[in-house]
Amino acid sequence: MELDVIGIGNLNYDIIMLVDHHPEFHEKVNAQKAVFGLGGAAGNTITWLAHMGLKTGFIGAVGRDEIGEAHIRYFERIGVDTSGIRIIDEPSGVAVAIIHGEDKRIVKYPGANRFKVLDGDYIGRARLIHLSSNPTETIREAVSIASEKGVLVSVDIGEAELPKDVEARIDYLMMNEDEYRRKYGSLDLNLSSARNLVVTLNGGGALIRDRRGETKEIRGLSAEVVDSTGAGDSFAAGVIYGILNGWTLEDSAKLGMLLAYLTVQKVGARSAVRPLDEIIKESGRLGLELPFSG
């Protein structure tokens, strides 16, 4: 089966706790609310895209444990091809987030995620691969394979190092304002050599630059932020959906804004995930005028 998108990244079990204050040394606090569920940045993005009707797959690794089984079962249930996911004798990845207002503190155990293996033939079945939360060597190898196979590449870079020779071959580079400032020293979008660039702004909105060098600012949507976990992942899903449906980068980023807007109003990375028809209704309600077909 040919695929629209293959995600490459981590598959974690998320433990998210909302507290009225972070614990002091040796202090125990009760969480006001807790959410447990499947996560991992690229996995969250692929979850949105599968619900939106795209043919999706994944490259990653999970443990031979209950968490690993849950990831595989969930992906199979929503139609994600799991043949690129290794099952190995290491514990599955876990991420623990403690959140007080906008102060979010995260501890991760990568576990099986460290042992993903890239398959060139599998990557060649996709129109686009999306990488998120990957080490530099994985990004370099995936971009090289995709270039050979004629597959588009989108990267949500996060804190990973991005060598210049790799950056210039990335079709769609996504990061937030803080990440961009740390890497380039300012918000000048021409400092990046990626073919297309999307930078989300603190407090909402985004800056975009296309391959012709044209830049625009996208106005954000106002929402009460309950939990920002997974907002960047849902934003990436919107951009990818638009790209693969022939939309402009501006409209694709607007869809990303909508999915992030929905995500931050719920606790948990995947709590806001919904099918395409409901997303279209939300788009209309907010007056976004996005070019959905049908």
C-alpha atoms as a PDB file:
ATOM      1  CA  MET A   1       0.000   0.000   0.000  1.00  0.00           C
ATOM      2  CA  GLU A   2       1.274   3.472  -0.866  1.00  0.00           C
ATOM      3  CA  LEU A   3       1.173   5.987   1.979  1.00  0.00           C
ATOM      4  CA  ASP A   4       0.639   9.738   2.200  1.00  0.00           C
ATOM      5  CA  VAL A   5       2.748  10.288   5.314  1.00  0.00           C
ATOM      6  CA  ILE A   6       5.166   8.267   7.420  1.00  0.00           C
ATOM      7  CA  GLY A   7       5.983   9.616  10.870  1.00  0.00           C
ATOM      8  CA  ILE A   8       9.453   9.013  12.292  1.00  0.00           C
ATOM      9  CA  GLY A   9       9.956   9.580  15.999  1.00  0.00           C
ATOM     10  CA  ASN A  10       9.160   8.520  19.533  1.00  0.00           C
ATOM     11  CA  LEU A  11       6.263   6.548  20.953  1.00  0.00           C
ATOM     12  CA  ASN A  12       5.819   7.293  24.657  1.00  0.00           C
ATOM     13  CA  TYR A  13       3.367   6.737  27.444  1.00  0.00           C
ATOM     14  CA  ASP A  14       2.449  10.185  28.766  1.00  0.00           C
ATOM     15  CA  ILE A  15       1.710  10.881  32.424  1.00  0.00           C
ATOM     16  CA  ILE A  16       0.435  14.452  32.791  1.00  0.00           C
ATOM     17  CA  MET A  17      -0.366  16.037  36.159  1.00  0.00           C
ATOM     18  CA  LEU A  18      -1.784  19.511  36.792  1.00  0.00           C
ATOM     19  CA  VAL A  19      -0.736  20.949  40.168  1.00  0.00           C
ATOM     20  CA  ASP A  20      -1.397  24.175  42.084  1.00  0.00           C
ATOM     21  CA  HIS A  21       2.350  24.466  42.739  1.00  0.00           C
ATOM     22  CA  HIS A  22       5.476  22.482  41.965  1.00  0.00           C
ATOM     23  CA  PRO A  23       6.775  20.454  44.910  1.00  0.00           C
ATOM     24  CA  GLU A  24       9.653  21.784  46.970  1.00  0.00           C
ATOM     25  CA  PHE A  25      12.522  19.576  48.109  1.00  0.00           C
ATOM     26  CA  HIS A  26      11.073  16.397  49.719  1.00  0.00           C
ATOM     27  CA  GLU A  27       7.536  17.803  49.397  1.00  0.00           C
ATOM     28  CA  LYS A  28       4.641  15.679  48.178  1.00  0.00           C
ATOM     29  CA  VAL A  29       1.750  17.402  46.417  1.00  0.00           C
ATOM     30  CA  ASN A  30      -1.590  16.141  45.167  1.00  0.00           C
ATOM     31  CA  ALA A  31      -2.399  16.742  41.516  1.00  0.00           C
ATOM     32  CA  GLN A  32      -5.601  18.623  40.756  1.00  0.00           C
ATOM     33  CA  LYS A  33      -6.015  16.575  37.597  1.00  0.00           C
ATOM     34  CA  ALA A  34      -4.142  13.752  35.894  1.00  0.00           C
ATOM     35  CA  VAL A  35      -4.260  12.328  32.379  1.00  0.00           C
ATOM     36  CA  PHE A  36      -2.541   9.166  31.192  1.00  0.00           C
ATOM     37  CA  GLY A  37      -2.273   8.098  27.579  1.00  0.00           C
ATOM     38  CA  LEU A  38      -0.262   7.353  24.493  1.00  0.00           C
ATOM     39  CA  GLY A  39       2.021  10.081  23.200  1.00  0.00           C
ATOM     40  CA  GLY A  40       5.229  10.954  21.413  1.00  0.00           C
ATOM     41  CA  ALA A  41       5.468  13.966  19.112  1.00  0.00           C
ATOM     42  CA  ALA A  42       5.496  12.264  15.708  1.00  0.00           C
ATOM     43  CA  GLY A  43       2.925   9.744  16.948  1.00  0.00           C
ATOM     44  CA  ASN A  44       0.593  12.591  17.920  1.00  0.00           C
ATOM     45  CA  THR A  45       0.955  14.179  14.480  1.00  0.00           C
ATOM     46  CA  ILE A  46       0.249  10.890  12.717  1.00  0.00           C
ATOM     47  CA  THR A  47      -2.788  10.328  14.955  1.00  0.00           C
ATOM     48  CA  TRP A  48      -4.333  13.596  13.737  1.00  0.00           C
ATOM     49  CA  LEU A  49      -3.550  12.817  10.094  1.00  0.00           C
ATOM     50  CA  ALA A  50      -5.034   9.319  10.312  1.00  0.00           C
ATOM     51  CA  HIS A  51      -8.243  10.753  11.762  1.00  0.00           C
ATOM     52  CA  MET A  52      -8.276  13.283   8.899  1.00  0.00           C
ATOM     53  CA  GLY A  53      -8.330  10.500   6.331  1.00  0.00           C
ATOM     54  CA  LEU A  54      -4.715  10.343   5.133  1.00  0.00           C
ATOM     55  CA  LYS A  55      -2.942   7.020   4.584  1.00  0.00           C
ATOM     56  CA  THR A  56      -0.317   6.937   7.301  1.00  0.00           C
ATOM     57  CA  GLY A  57       2.551   4.813   8.582  1.00  0.00           C
ATOM     58  CA  PHE A  58       5.178   5.033  11.285  1.00  0.00           C
ATOM     59  CA  ILE A  59       8.834   4.236  11.906  1.00  0.00           C
ATOM     60  CA  GLY A  60       9.709   3.774  15.561  1.00  0.00           C
ATOM     61  CA  ALA A  61      10.304   1.211  18.290  1.00  0.00           C
ATOM     62  CA  VAL A  62       8.388   0.040  21.358  1.00  0.00           C
ATOM     63  CA  GLY A  63       9.055  -2.439  24.111  1.00  0.00           C
ATOM     64  CA  ARG A  64       7.661  -5.923  24.412  1.00  0.00           C
ATOM     65  CA  ASP A  65       5.378  -4.693  27.175  1.00  0.00           C
ATOM     66  CA  GLU A  66       1.843  -3.432  27.773  1.00  0.00           C
ATOM     67  CA  ILE A  67       2.700   0.083  26.609  1.00  0.00           C
ATOM     68  CA  GLY A  68       4.163  -1.242  23.359  1.00  0.00           C
ATOM     69  CA  GLU A  69       1.106  -3.409  22.773  1.00  0.00           C
ATOM     70  CA  ALA A  70      -1.168  -0.435  23.385  1.00  0.00           C
ATOM     71  CA  HIS A  71       0.667   1.683  20.782  1.00  0.00           C
ATOM     72  CA  ILE A  72       0.396  -1.035  18.150  1.00  0.00           C
ATOM     73  CA  ARG A  73      -3.277  -1.744  18.882  1.00  0.00           C
ATOM     74  CA  TYR A  74      -4.210   1.938  18.836  1.00  0.00           C
ATOM     75  CA  PHE A  75      -2.464   2.629  15.530  1.00  0.00           C
ATOM     76  CA  GLU A  76      -4.034  -0.439  13.937  1.00  0.00           C
ATOM     77  CA  ARG A  77      -7.465   0.660  15.141  1.00  0.00           C
ATOM     78  CA  ILE A  78      -7.179   4.101  13.510  1.00  0.00           C
ATOM     79  CA  GLY A  79      -5.649   2.736  10.300  1.00  0.00           C
ATOM     80  CA  VAL A  80      -1.944   3.534  10.735  1.00  0.00           C
ATOM     81  CA  ASP A  81       0.407   1.041   9.057  1.00  0.00           C
ATOM     82  CA  THR A  82       2.595  -0.385  11.850  1.00  0.00           C
ATOM     83  CA  SER A  83       5.018  -2.475   9.798  1.00  0.00           C
ATOM     84  CA  GLY A  84       7.784   0.088  10.396  1.00  0.00           C
ATOM     85  CA  ILE A  85       7.565  -0.190  14.204  1.00  0.00           C
ATOM     86  CA  ARG A  86      10.092  -2.517  15.871  1.00  0.00           C
ATOM     87  CA  ILE A  87       9.107  -4.463  18.991  1.00  0.00           C
ATOM     88  CA  ILE A  88      12.208  -5.061  21.116  1.00  0.00           C
ATOM     89  CA  ASP A  89      13.317  -6.251  24.557  1.00  0.00           C
ATOM     90  CA  GLU A  90      13.629  -2.776  26.075  1.00  0.00           C
ATOM     91  CA  PRO A  91      11.039  -0.857  28.106  1.00  0.00           C
ATOM     92  CA  SER A  92       8.808   1.429  26.048  1.00  0.00           C
ATOM     93  CA  GLY A  93       9.385   5.186  26.337  1.00  0.00           C
ATOM     94  CA  VAL A  94       7.711   7.188  29.099  1.00  0.00           C
ATOM     95  CA  ALA A  95       7.211  10.948  29.534  1.00  0.00           C
ATOM     96  CA  VAL A  96       6.079  12.561  32.802  1.00  0.00           C
ATOM     97  CA  ALA A  97       4.867  16.176  32.745  1.00  0.00           C
ATOM     98  CA  ILE A  98       4.029  18.265  35.823  1.00  0.00           C
ATOM     99  CA  ILE A  99       2.186  21.445  34.891  1.00  0.00           C
ATOM    100  CA  HIS A 100       1.420  24.571  36.899  1.00  0.00           C
ATOM    101  CA  GLY A 101      -0.085  27.241  34.646  1.00  0.00           C
ATOM    102  CA  GLU A 102       2.414  27.823  31.841  1.00  0.00           C
ATOM    103  CA  ASP A 103       5.245  26.269  33.872  1.00  0.00           C
ATOM    104  CA  LYS A 104       5.590  22.757  32.432  1.00  0.00           C
ATOM    105  CA  ARG A 105       8.368  20.432  33.629  1.00  0.00           C
ATOM    106  CA  ILE A 106       8.983  17.156  31.799  1.00  0.00           C
ATOM    107  CA  VAL A 107      11.062  14.068  32.532  1.00  0.00           C
ATOM    108  CA  LYS A 108      11.482  11.531  29.732  1.00  0.00           C
ATOM    109  CA  TYR A 109      12.805   7.991  29.586  1.00  0.00           C
ATOM    110  CA  PRO A 110      13.485   7.164  25.891  1.00  0.00           C
ATOM    111  CA  GLY A 111      13.725   3.393  26.331  1.00  0.00           C
ATOM    112  CA  ALA A 112      12.925   1.516  23.118  1.00  0.00           C
ATOM    113  CA  ASN A 113      12.773   4.764  21.141  1.00  0.00           C
ATOM    114  CA  ARG A 114      16.562   4.700  20.882  1.00  0.00           C
ATOM    115  CA  PHE A 115      16.428   1.618  18.669  1.00  0.00           C
ATOM    116  CA  LYS A 116      14.292   2.705  15.709  1.00  0.00           C
ATOM    117  CA  VAL A 117      15.670   1.615  12.325  1.00  0.00           C
ATOM    118  CA  LEU A 118      15.067   3.479   9.055  1.00  0.00           C
ATOM    119  CA  ASP A 119      13.953   1.329   6.115  1.00  0.00           C
ATOM    120  CA  GLY A 120      14.620   2.929   2.732  1.00  0.00           C
ATOM    121  CA  ASP A 121      12.060   0.821   0.891  1.00  0.00           C
ATOM    122  CA  TYR A 122       9.402   1.702   3.450  1.00  0.00           C
ATOM    123  CA  ILE A 123      10.226   5.417   3.284  1.00  0.00           C
ATOM    124  CA  GLY A 124       9.979   5.213  -0.506  1.00  0.00           C
ATOM    125  CA  ARG A 125       6.307   4.265  -0.220  1.00  0.00           C
ATOM    126  CA  ALA A 126       5.385   7.701   1.179  1.00  0.00           C
ATOM    127  CA  ARG A 127       4.686  11.073  -0.402  1.00  0.00           C
ATOM    128  CA  LEU A 128       6.136  12.764   2.695  1.00  0.00           C
ATOM    129  CA  ILE A 129       8.018  11.771   5.842  1.00  0.00           C
ATOM    130  CA  HIS A 130       7.634  13.779   9.041  1.00  0.00           C
ATOM    131  CA  LEU A 131      10.350  13.759  11.690  1.00  0.00           C
ATOM    132  CA  SER A 132       9.924  15.017  15.234  1.00  0.00           C
ATOM    133  CA  SER A 133      12.099  14.575  18.355  1.00  0.00           C
ATOM    134  CA  ASN A 134      14.873  12.704  16.587  1.00  0.00           C
ATOM    135  CA  PRO A 135      18.641  12.725  17.120  1.00  0.00           C
ATOM    136  CA  THR A 136      20.745  14.465  14.490  1.00  0.00           C
ATOM    137  CA  GLU A 137      22.048  11.249  12.956  1.00  0.00           C
ATOM    138  CA  THR A 138      18.485   9.980  12.394  1.00  0.00           C
ATOM    139  CA  ILE A 139      17.500  13.259  10.742  1.00  0.00           C
ATOM    140  CA  ARG A 140      20.555  13.156   8.500  1.00  0.00           C
ATOM    141  CA  GLU A 141      19.921   9.546   7.417  1.00  0.00           C
ATOM    142  CA  ALA A 142      16.188  10.084   6.841  1.00  0.00           C
ATOM    143  CA  VAL A 143      16.744  13.228   4.753  1.00  0.00           C
ATOM    144  CA  SER A 144      19.357  11.408   2.658  1.00  0.00           C
ATOM    145  CA  ILE A 145      17.023   8.461   1.994  1.00  0.00           C
ATOM    146  CA  ALA A 146      14.081  10.751   1.204  1.00  0.00           C
ATOM    147  CA  SER A 147      16.202  12.758  -1.249  1.00  0.00           C
ATOM    148  CA  GLU A 148      17.158   9.572  -3.084  1.00  0.00           C
ATOM    149  CA  LYS A 149      13.538   8.373  -3.180  1.00  0.00           C
ATOM    150  CA  GLY A 150      11.979  11.707  -4.196  1.00  0.00           C
ATOM    151  CA  VAL A 151      10.002  11.921  -0.945  1.00  0.00           C
ATOM    152  CA  LEU A 152       9.137  15.258   0.673  1.00  0.00           C
ATOM    153  CA  VAL A 153      10.537  15.919   4.164  1.00  0.00           C
ATOM    154  CA  SER A 154       8.992  17.900   7.013  1.00  0.00           C
ATOM    155  CA  VAL A 155      10.874  18.309  10.289  1.00  0.00           C
ATOM    156  CA  ASP A 156       9.687  19.603  13.652  1.00  0.00           C
ATOM    157  CA  ILE A 157      13.214  20.135  14.938  1.00  0.00           C
ATOM    158  CA  GLY A 158      12.689  20.951  18.624  1.00  0.00           C
ATOM    159  CA  GLU A 159      16.009  21.080  20.468  1.00  0.00           C
ATOM    160  CA  ALA A 160      17.919  18.827  18.051  1.00  0.00           C
ATOM    161  CA  GLU A 161      20.960  20.140  16.237  1.00  0.00           C
ATOM    162  CA  LEU A 162      20.318  20.881  12.555  1.00  0.00           C
ATOM    163  CA  PRO A 163      23.461  20.784  10.371  1.00  0.00           C
ATOM    164  CA  LYS A 164      23.415  23.285   7.484  1.00  0.00           C
ATOM    165  CA  ASP A 165      23.897  20.598   4.817  1.00  0.00           C
ATOM    166  CA  VAL A 166      20.770  18.815   6.063  1.00  0.00           C
ATOM    167  CA  GLU A 167      18.738  21.984   6.619  1.00  0.00           C
ATOM    168  CA  ALA A 168      18.952  23.036   2.968  1.00  0.00           C
ATOM    169  CA  ARG A 169      17.341  19.732   1.904  1.00  0.00           C
ATOM    170  CA  ILE A 170      14.342  19.987   4.238  1.00  0.00           C
ATOM    171  CA  ASP A 171      11.147  20.870   2.382  1.00  0.00           C
ATOM    172  CA  TYR A 172       9.209  22.088   5.436  1.00  0.00           C
ATOM    173  CA  LEU A 173      10.998  23.066   8.648  1.00  0.00           C
ATOM    174  CA  MET A 174       8.867  23.799  11.709  1.00  0.00           C
ATOM    175  CA  MET A 175       9.873  25.182  15.090  1.00  0.00           C
ATOM    176  CA  ASN A 176       8.635  27.587  17.714  1.00  0.00           C
ATOM    177  CA  GLU A 177       9.824  31.132  18.281  1.00  0.00           C
ATOM    178  CA  ASP A 178      12.075  30.264  21.232  1.00  0.00           C
ATOM    179  CA  GLU A 179      13.756  27.420  19.337  1.00  0.00           C
ATOM    180  CA  TYR A 180      14.334  29.643  16.309  1.00  0.00           C
ATOM    181  CA  ARG A 181      15.812  32.481  18.369  1.00  0.00           C
ATOM    182  CA  ARG A 182      18.163  30.066  20.140  1.00  0.00           C
ATOM    183  CA  LYS A 183      19.392  28.613  16.852  1.00  0.00           C
ATOM    184  CA  TYR A 184      19.656  31.812  14.783  1.00  0.00           C
ATOM    185  CA  GLY A 185      19.807  34.680  17.282  1.00  0.00           C
ATOM    186  CA  SER A 186      16.784  36.547  15.895  1.00  0.00           C
ATOM    187  CA  LEU A 187      13.460  36.031  14.097  1.00  0.00           C
ATOM    188  CA  ASP A 188      14.923  36.759  10.647  1.00  0.00           C
ATOM    189  CA  LEU A 189      13.440  33.882   8.619  1.00  0.00           C
ATOM    190  CA  ASN A 190      16.079  34.257   5.907  1.00  0.00           C
ATOM    191  CA  LEU A 191      18.714  32.902   8.297  1.00  0.00           C
ATOM    192  CA  SER A 192      17.370  29.397   7.712  1.00  0.00           C
ATOM    193  CA  SER A 193      18.227  27.590   4.476  1.00  0.00           C
ATOM    194  CA  ALA A 194      15.201  25.257   4.623  1.00  0.00           C
ATOM    195  CA  ARG A 195      13.036  25.396   1.483  1.00  0.00           C
ATOM    196  CA  ASN A 196       9.908  26.382   3.433  1.00  0.00           C
ATOM    197  CA  LEU A 197       9.845  27.565   7.037  1.00  0.00           C
ATOM    198  CA  VAL A 198       7.108  27.865   9.662  1.00  0.00           C
ATOM    199  CA  VAL A 199       7.819  29.443  13.060  1.00  0.00           C
ATOM    200  CA  THR A 200       5.026  29.490  15.636  1.00  0.00           C
ATOM    201  CA  LEU A 201       4.932  32.580  17.846  1.00  0.00           C
ATOM    202  CA  ASN A 202       4.527  32.792  21.609  1.00  0.00           C
ATOM    203  CA  GLY A 203       0.942  33.678  22.435  1.00  0.00           C
ATOM    204  CA  GLY A 204      -0.372  32.495  19.071  1.00  0.00           C
ATOM    205  CA  GLY A 205       0.218  33.155  15.411  1.00  0.00           C
ATOM    206  CA  ALA A 206       3.074  32.118  13.153  1.00  0.00           C
ATOM    207  CA  LEU A 207       5.623  33.444  10.691  1.00  0.00           C
ATOM    208  CA  ILE A 208       6.027  31.627   7.381  1.00  0.00           C
ATOM    209  CA  ARG A 209       8.545  31.838   4.546  1.00  0.00           C
ATOM    210  CA  ASP A 210       8.046  29.911   1.317  1.00  0.00           C
ATOM    211  CA  ARG A 211      10.657  28.688  -1.155  1.00  0.00           C
ATOM    212  CA  ARG A 212      10.363  31.938  -3.124  1.00  0.00           C
ATOM    213  CA  GLY A 213      11.440  33.894  -0.062  1.00  0.00           C
ATOM    214  CA  GLU A 214       8.027  35.454   0.563  1.00  0.00           C
ATOM    215  CA  THR A 215       7.230  35.927   4.249  1.00  0.00           C
ATOM    216  CA  LYS A 216       3.889  36.411   6.008  1.00  0.00           C
ATOM    217  CA  GLU A 217       2.565  36.547   9.529  1.00  0.00           C
ATOM    218  CA  ILE A 218      -0.459  34.393  10.364  1.00  0.00           C
ATOM    219  CA  ARG A 219      -2.722  35.738  13.083  1.00  0.00           C
ATOM    220  CA  GLY A 220      -3.336  33.360  15.968  1.00  0.00           C
ATOM    221  CA  LEU A 221      -6.592  32.147  17.472  1.00  0.00           C
ATOM    222  CA  SER A 222      -7.391  33.204  21.020  1.00  0.00           C
ATOM    223  CA  ALA A 223      -7.892  30.284  23.390  1.00  0.00           C
ATOM    224  CA  GLU A 224      -7.654  29.679  27.128  1.00  0.00           C
ATOM    225  CA  VAL A 225      -4.646  27.385  27.431  1.00  0.00           C
ATOM    226  CA  VAL A 226      -5.359  24.438  29.721  1.00  0.00           C
ATOM    227  CA  ASP A 227      -2.388  22.309  28.608  1.00  0.00           C
ATOM    228  CA  SER A 228      -0.009  23.006  25.733  1.00  0.00           C
ATOM    229  CA  THR A 229       1.158  19.381  25.478  1.00  0.00           C
ATOM    230  CA  GLY A 230       0.975  18.271  21.845  1.00  0.00           C
ATOM    231  CA  ALA A 231       0.079  21.706  20.428  1.00  0.00           C
ATOM    232  CA  GLY A 232       3.148  21.772  18.185  1.00  0.00           C
ATOM    233  CA  ASP A 233       2.405  18.227  17.027  1.00  0.00           C
ATOM    234  CA  SER A 234      -1.154  19.091  16.031  1.00  0.00           C
ATOM    235  CA  PHE A 235       0.102  22.258  14.327  1.00  0.00           C
ATOM    236  CA  ALA A 236       2.468  20.110  12.251  1.00  0.00           C
ATOM    237  CA  ALA A 237      -0.439  17.851  11.290  1.00  0.00           C
ATOM    238  CA  GLY A 238      -2.379  20.817   9.935  1.00  0.00           C
ATOM    239  CA  VAL A 239       0.569  22.033   7.874  1.00  0.00           C
ATOM    240  CA  ILE A 240       1.173  18.546   6.444  1.00  0.00           C
ATOM    241  CA  TYR A 241      -2.499  17.979   5.601  1.00  0.00           C
ATOM    242  CA  GLY A 242      -2.629  21.266   3.711  1.00  0.00           C
ATOM    243  CA  ILE A 243       0.617  20.637   1.835  1.00  0.00           C
ATOM    244  CA  LEU A 244      -0.460  17.198   0.655  1.00  0.00           C
ATOM    245  CA  ASN A 245      -3.796  18.599  -0.513  1.00  0.00           C
ATOM    246  CA  GLY A 246      -2.143  21.280  -2.634  1.00  0.00           C
ATOM    247  CA  TRP A 247      -2.894  24.224  -0.336  1.00  0.00           C
ATOM    248  CA  THR A 248      -0.711  27.294  -0.014  1.00  0.00           C
ATOM    249  CA  LEU A 249       1.721  27.381   2.895  1.00  0.00           C
ATOM    250  CA  GLU A 250      -0.388  30.184   4.398  1.00  0.00           C
ATOM    251  CA  ASP A 251      -3.607  28.141   4.403  1.00  0.00           C
ATOM    252  CA  SER A 252      -1.712  25.071   5.647  1.00  0.00           C
ATOM    253  CA  ALA A 253      -0.366  27.095   8.584  1.00  0.00           C
ATOM    254  CA  LYS A 254      -3.881  28.382   9.330  1.00  0.00           C
ATOM    255  CA  LEU A 255      -5.094  24.793   9.602  1.00  0.00           C
ATOM    256  CA  GLY A 256      -2.156  24.098  11.898  1.00  0.00           C
ATOM    257  CA  MET A 257      -3.305  27.020  14.048  1.00  0.00           C
ATOM    258  CA  LEU A 258      -6.801  25.564  14.238  1.00  0.00           C
ATOM    259  CA  LEU A 259      -5.602  22.126  15.374  1.00  0.00           C
ATOM    260  CA  ALA A 260      -3.264  23.672  17.964  1.00  0.00           C
ATOM    261  CA  TYR A 261      -6.150  25.888  19.162  1.00  0.00           C
ATOM    262  CA  LEU A 262      -8.268  22.793  19.721  1.00  0.00           C
ATOM    263  CA  THR A 263      -5.413  20.942  21.451  1.00  0.00           C
ATOM    264  CA  VAL A 264      -4.499  23.528  24.098  1.00  0.00           C
ATOM    265  CA  GLN A 265      -8.071  23.577  25.418  1.00  0.00           C
ATOM    266  CA  LYS A 266      -7.793  19.939  26.530  1.00  0.00           C
ATOM    267  CA  VAL A 267      -5.429  18.110  28.879  1.00  0.00           C
ATOM    268  CA  GLY A 268      -3.285  15.587  27.010  1.00  0.00           C
ATOM    269  CA  ALA A 269      -1.704  15.504  23.578  1.00  0.00           C
ATOM    270  CA  ARG A 270      -4.458  13.521  21.847  1.00  0.00           C
ATOM    271  CA  SER A 271      -7.569  14.489  23.809  1.00  0.00           C
ATOM    272  CA  ALA A 272      -8.701  16.977  21.158  1.00  0.00           C
ATOM    273  CA  VAL A 273      -8.182  14.710  18.140  1.00  0.00           C
ATOM    274  CA  ARG A 274     -11.304  14.519  15.991  1.00  0.00           C
ATOM    275  CA  PRO A 275     -12.340  13.503  12.459  1.00  0.00           C
ATOM    276  CA  LEU A 276     -12.115  15.781   9.439  1.00  0.00           C
ATOM    277  CA  ASP A 277     -15.812  16.686   9.286  1.00  0.00           C
ATOM    278  CA  GLU A 278     -15.685  18.129  12.800  1.00  0.00           C
ATOM    279  CA  ILE A 279     -12.504  20.058  11.965  1.00  0.00           C
ATOM    280  CA  ILE A 280     -14.238  21.536   8.913  1.00  0.00           C
ATOM    281  CA  LYS A 281     -17.156  22.647  11.116  1.00  0.00           C
ATOM    282  CA  GLU A 282     -14.761  24.326  13.568  1.00  0.00           C
ATOM    283  CA  SER A 283     -13.004  26.047  10.677  1.00  0.00           C
ATOM    284  CA  GLY A 284     -16.306  27.461   9.470  1.00  0.00           C
ATOM    285  CA  ARG A 285     -17.363  28.528  12.956  1.00  0.00           C
ATOM    286  CA  LEU A 286     -14.132  30.503  13.327  1.00  0.00           C
ATOM    287  CA  GLY A 287     -14.383  32.006   9.851  1.00  0.00           C
ATOM    288  CA  LEU A 288     -11.046  30.644   8.613  1.00  0.00           C
ATOM    289  CA  GLU A 289     -12.252  30.030   5.020  1.00  0.00           C
ATOM    290  CA  LEU A 290      -9.875  27.110   4.405  1.00  0.00           C
ATOM    291  CA  PRO A 291     -10.036  25.340   1.009  1.00  0.00           C
ATOM    292  CA  PHE A 292     -11.432  21.984   2.158  1.00  0.00           C
ATOM    293  CA  SER A 293     -12.825  19.999  -0.770  1.00  0.00           C
ATOM    294  CA  GLY A 294     -16.208  18.354  -0.775  1.00  0.00           C
END
